[in-house]
Amino acid sequence: MNFWKEHTTLRGVLIALFFAAGMILTIAGWKMTGKLEGLGLMLLGIVLLLTALFVYNAPYKK
């Protein structure tokens, strides 16, 4: 489980993918004003953004 914590390139790629997907989903959901699917897309995008933050902070945990 520590493999991705120790390899900075893999961690950087994961962070970039989660961030890009999260931003795309959040913006796409934001454009769907008044639709429940838009809220779902925004929530999924926020989860992916928080996952990117978790991957970024994981090596610094004690």
Protein backbone atom coordinates (compact mmCIF):
# COMPACT_ATOMS: atom_id res chain seq x y z
CA MET A 1 0.00 0.00 0.00
CA ASN A 2 2.99 2.32 0.37
CA PHE A 3 4.03 1.94 -3.28
CA TRP A 4 2.16 5.02 -4.53
CA LYS A 5 3.21 7.03 -1.48
CA GLU A 6 6.90 6.58 -2.25
CA HIS A 7 6.85 7.18 -6.03
CA THR A 8 6.44 10.87 -6.76
CA THR A 9 5.77 10.44 -10.48
CA LEU A 10 2.90 8.04 -9.92
CA ARG A 11 1.51 10.26 -7.18
CA GLY A 12 1.74 13.30 -9.45
CA VAL A 13 -0.10 11.52 -12.25
CA LEU A 14 -2.83 10.34 -9.87
CA ILE A 15 -3.25 13.83 -8.44
CA ALA A 16 -3.45 15.35 -11.93
CA LEU A 17 -6.02 12.78 -13.10
CA PHE A 18 -8.23 13.12 -10.04
CA PHE A 19 -8.01 16.92 -10.17
CA ALA A 20 -8.81 17.15 -13.89
CA ALA A 21 -11.71 14.70 -13.68
CA GLY A 22 -13.05 16.43 -10.58
CA MET A 23 -12.96 19.86 -12.19
CA ILE A 24 -14.59 18.61 -15.39
CA LEU A 25 -17.41 16.89 -13.52
CA THR A 26 -17.97 19.83 -11.19
CA ILE A 27 -18.18 22.33 -14.05
CA ALA A 28 -20.36 20.02 -16.16
CA GLY A 29 -22.74 19.56 -13.24
CA TRP A 30 -22.78 23.28 -12.56
CA LYS A 31 -23.98 23.93 -16.12
CA MET A 32 -26.97 21.61 -15.56
CA THR A 33 -28.89 24.11 -13.45
CA GLY A 34 -32.12 22.78 -11.98
CA LYS A 35 -31.45 19.12 -12.75
CA LEU A 36 -30.78 16.42 -10.19
CA GLU A 37 -28.15 14.84 -12.45
CA GLY A 38 -26.18 18.07 -12.27
CA LEU A 39 -26.09 17.88 -8.49
CA GLY A 40 -24.88 14.29 -8.72
CA LEU A 41 -22.10 15.25 -11.12
CA MET A 42 -21.01 18.11 -8.88
CA LEU A 43 -20.93 15.85 -5.82
CA LEU A 44 -18.90 13.24 -7.69
CA GLY A 45 -16.53 15.97 -8.85
CA ILE A 46 -16.07 17.20 -5.27
CA VAL A 47 -15.33 13.63 -4.15
CA LEU A 48 -12.64 13.36 -6.84
CA LEU A 49 -11.14 16.70 -5.81
CA LEU A 50 -11.02 15.56 -2.19
CA THR A 51 -9.40 12.30 -3.33
CA ALA A 52 -6.69 14.31 -5.10
CA LEU A 53 -6.12 16.21 -1.86
CA PHE A 54 -5.94 12.91 0.07
CA VAL A 55 -3.34 11.51 -2.36
CA TYR A 56 -1.31 14.71 -2.05
CA ASN A 57 -1.31 14.62 1.77
CA ALA A 58 -0.83 10.86 2.23
CA PRO A 59 3.00 10.83 2.41
CA TYR A 60 2.99 13.48 5.13
CA LYS A 61 0.86 11.51 7.58
CA LYS A 62 2.65 10.34 10.69
